[in-house]
Amino acid sequence: MSETKTKFTKDSVIGDVVKDNPAGEKIIEKYFGRGCFTCPGIKMETIAFGSTMHSVDPEKIVKELNE
């Protein structure tokens, strides 16, 4: 049986990304810093929102998460 890989988008919630792909934590930290993990917004803010707040291209983050 083949493994189904979660496909992340810029609309993915950051908390869900970390929950579904623990290795994604390093990518989120790389672009957004450690503060994300103590912020209550992690449960509702998307990659696109975080990218806007940190002046980062969301497609760059999504590409890394899906590799």
N, C-alpha and C. Protein backbone atom coordinates (compact mmCIF):
# COMPACT_ATOMS: atom_id res chain seq x y z
N MET A 1 0.84 -1.18 0.00
CA MET A 1 0.00 0.00 0.00
C MET A 1 0.88 1.24 0.00
N SER A 2 0.59 2.20 -0.85
CA SER A 2 1.43 3.41 -0.90
C SER A 2 0.99 4.42 0.14
N GLU A 3 1.95 5.20 0.60
CA GLU A 3 1.69 6.23 1.59
C GLU A 3 1.11 7.46 0.92
N THR A 4 0.10 8.05 1.53
CA THR A 4 -0.47 9.28 1.01
C THR A 4 0.24 10.44 1.70
N LYS A 5 0.83 11.31 0.91
CA LYS A 5 1.54 12.45 1.46
C LYS A 5 0.60 13.64 1.51
N THR A 6 0.57 14.32 2.65
CA THR A 6 -0.26 15.49 2.79
C THR A 6 0.28 16.59 1.89
N LYS A 7 -0.60 17.21 1.16
CA LYS A 7 -0.23 18.31 0.28
C LYS A 7 -0.59 19.61 0.99
N PHE A 8 0.41 20.43 1.28
CA PHE A 8 0.17 21.70 1.95
C PHE A 8 -0.01 22.81 0.92
N THR A 9 -0.80 23.81 1.29
CA THR A 9 -1.02 24.98 0.45
C THR A 9 -0.80 26.22 1.30
N LYS A 10 -0.84 27.39 0.67
CA LYS A 10 -0.67 28.63 1.43
C LYS A 10 -1.84 28.86 2.38
N ASP A 11 -2.96 28.14 2.17
CA ASP A 11 -4.12 28.26 3.05
C ASP A 11 -4.11 27.25 4.19
N SER A 12 -3.07 26.43 4.28
CA SER A 12 -2.95 25.47 5.38
C SER A 12 -2.69 26.22 6.68
N VAL A 13 -3.36 25.77 7.75
CA VAL A 13 -3.17 26.36 9.07
C VAL A 13 -1.82 25.88 9.62
N ILE A 14 -1.04 26.81 10.15
CA ILE A 14 0.31 26.49 10.62
C ILE A 14 0.30 25.37 11.65
N GLY A 15 -0.62 25.41 12.59
CA GLY A 15 -0.71 24.35 13.61
C GLY A 15 -0.97 22.98 13.01
N ASP A 16 -1.80 22.94 11.97
CA ASP A 16 -2.10 21.67 11.30
C ASP A 16 -0.87 21.15 10.55
N VAL A 17 -0.12 22.07 9.97
CA VAL A 17 1.11 21.69 9.24
C VAL A 17 2.07 20.99 10.20
N VAL A 18 2.28 21.58 11.36
CA VAL A 18 3.21 21.01 12.34
C VAL A 18 2.69 19.68 12.88
N LYS A 19 1.38 19.60 13.09
CA LYS A 19 0.78 18.36 13.59
C LYS A 19 0.87 17.24 12.55
N ASP A 20 0.58 17.56 11.29
CA ASP A 20 0.57 16.56 10.22
C ASP A 20 1.96 16.20 9.72
N ASN A 21 2.92 17.09 9.91
CA ASN A 21 4.27 16.88 9.42
C ASN A 21 5.26 17.46 10.43
N PRO A 22 5.60 16.69 11.48
CA PRO A 22 6.50 17.22 12.51
C PRO A 22 7.81 17.78 11.95
N ALA A 23 8.30 17.27 10.83
CA ALA A 23 9.52 17.81 10.23
C ALA A 23 9.28 19.23 9.70
N GLY A 24 8.03 19.56 9.46
CA GLY A 24 7.68 20.90 8.99
C GLY A 24 7.96 21.98 10.02
N GLU A 25 8.11 21.58 11.28
CA GLU A 25 8.40 22.55 12.35
C GLU A 25 9.68 23.32 12.05
N LYS A 26 10.68 22.63 11.55
CA LYS A 26 11.96 23.29 11.23
C LYS A 26 11.78 24.32 10.11
N ILE A 27 10.93 24.01 9.15
CA ILE A 27 10.69 24.94 8.04
C ILE A 27 9.92 26.16 8.53
N ILE A 28 8.90 25.93 9.35
CA ILE A 28 8.14 27.05 9.92
C ILE A 28 9.06 27.92 10.76
N GLU A 29 9.89 27.31 11.58
CA GLU A 29 10.83 28.07 12.41
C GLU A 29 11.81 28.85 11.54
N LYS A 30 12.28 28.26 10.47
CA LYS A 30 13.23 28.91 9.56
C LYS A 30 12.69 30.25 9.04
N TYR A 31 11.43 30.28 8.69
CA TYR A 31 10.83 31.47 8.09
C TYR A 31 10.12 32.39 9.09
N PHE A 32 9.54 31.81 10.14
CA PHE A 32 8.73 32.60 11.06
C PHE A 32 9.32 32.75 12.46
N GLY A 33 10.33 31.94 12.80
CA GLY A 33 10.92 32.02 14.14
C GLY A 33 10.22 31.11 15.14
N ARG A 34 10.76 31.00 16.32
CA ARG A 34 10.21 30.13 17.37
C ARG A 34 8.92 30.69 17.97
N GLY A 35 8.70 31.99 17.84
CA GLY A 35 7.53 32.61 18.44
C GLY A 35 6.22 32.00 17.98
N CYS A 36 6.20 31.45 16.80
CA CYS A 36 4.99 30.81 16.26
C CYS A 36 4.46 29.73 17.19
N PHE A 37 5.35 29.01 17.82
CA PHE A 37 4.96 27.83 18.58
C PHE A 37 4.37 28.16 19.95
N THR A 38 4.49 29.41 20.38
CA THR A 38 3.90 29.83 21.64
C THR A 38 2.72 30.78 21.41
N CYS A 39 2.47 31.12 20.16
CA CYS A 39 1.38 32.04 19.81
C CYS A 39 0.07 31.27 19.68
N PRO A 40 -1.00 31.76 20.32
CA PRO A 40 -2.29 31.07 20.18
C PRO A 40 -2.82 31.09 18.75
N GLY A 41 -2.35 32.00 17.92
CA GLY A 41 -2.78 32.09 16.54
C GLY A 41 -2.39 30.90 15.69
N ILE A 42 -1.44 30.08 16.17
CA ILE A 42 -0.97 28.92 15.40
C ILE A 42 -2.12 27.99 15.03
N LYS A 43 -3.20 28.02 15.81
CA LYS A 43 -4.34 27.13 15.57
C LYS A 43 -5.29 27.67 14.51
N MET A 44 -5.10 28.94 14.08
CA MET A 44 -6.04 29.49 13.10
C MET A 44 -5.36 30.28 11.98
N GLU A 45 -4.09 30.62 12.14
CA GLU A 45 -3.41 31.41 11.12
C GLU A 45 -2.81 30.51 10.06
N THR A 46 -2.93 30.96 8.83
CA THR A 46 -2.45 30.18 7.69
C THR A 46 -1.00 30.53 7.35
N ILE A 47 -0.43 29.73 6.49
CA ILE A 47 0.91 30.01 5.98
C ILE A 47 0.91 31.36 5.27
N ALA A 48 -0.15 31.64 4.52
CA ALA A 48 -0.24 32.93 3.81
C ALA A 48 -0.24 34.10 4.80
N PHE A 49 -0.97 33.97 5.90
CA PHE A 49 -1.02 35.03 6.90
C PHE A 49 0.35 35.23 7.54
N GLY A 50 0.98 34.12 7.96
CA GLY A 50 2.31 34.20 8.56
C GLY A 50 3.32 34.79 7.60
N SER A 51 3.20 34.44 6.35
CA SER A 51 4.10 34.96 5.32
C SER A 51 3.95 36.47 5.18
N THR A 52 2.72 36.95 5.22
CA THR A 52 2.47 38.39 5.15
C THR A 52 3.10 39.09 6.35
N MET A 53 2.93 38.51 7.52
CA MET A 53 3.46 39.11 8.75
C MET A 53 4.98 39.13 8.77
N HIS A 54 5.61 38.18 8.09
CA HIS A 54 7.07 38.06 8.12
C HIS A 54 7.73 38.42 6.78
N SER A 55 6.94 38.97 5.86
CA SER A 55 7.45 39.39 4.55
C SER A 55 8.20 38.28 3.81
N VAL A 56 7.55 37.12 3.72
CA VAL A 56 8.12 35.96 3.05
C VAL A 56 7.14 35.48 1.97
N ASP A 57 7.66 34.96 0.88
CA ASP A 57 6.82 34.41 -0.18
C ASP A 57 6.22 33.08 0.32
N PRO A 58 4.89 32.99 0.43
CA PRO A 58 4.27 31.76 0.94
C PRO A 58 4.54 30.55 0.05
N GLU A 59 4.68 30.77 -1.25
CA GLU A 59 4.92 29.64 -2.16
C GLU A 59 6.28 28.98 -1.89
N LYS A 60 7.23 29.75 -1.43
CA LYS A 60 8.55 29.20 -1.08
C LYS A 60 8.43 28.23 0.10
N ILE A 61 7.64 28.61 1.09
CA ILE A 61 7.43 27.77 2.27
C ILE A 61 6.66 26.51 1.88
N VAL A 62 5.59 26.69 1.12
CA VAL A 62 4.76 25.55 0.69
C VAL A 62 5.60 24.56 -0.10
N LYS A 63 6.44 25.06 -0.98
CA LYS A 63 7.29 24.18 -1.80
C LYS A 63 8.20 23.34 -0.89
N GLU A 64 8.82 23.97 0.09
CA GLU A 64 9.69 23.21 1.02
C GLU A 64 8.91 22.19 1.81
N LEU A 65 7.73 22.57 2.27
CA LEU A 65 6.91 21.64 3.07
C LEU A 65 6.49 20.41 2.27
N ASN A 66 6.26 20.59 1.00
CA ASN A 66 5.79 19.49 0.16
C ASN A 66 6.91 18.65 -0.45
N GLU A 67 8.15 19.04 -0.22
CA GLU A 67 9.27 18.27 -0.77
C GLU A 67 9.60 17.08 0.12
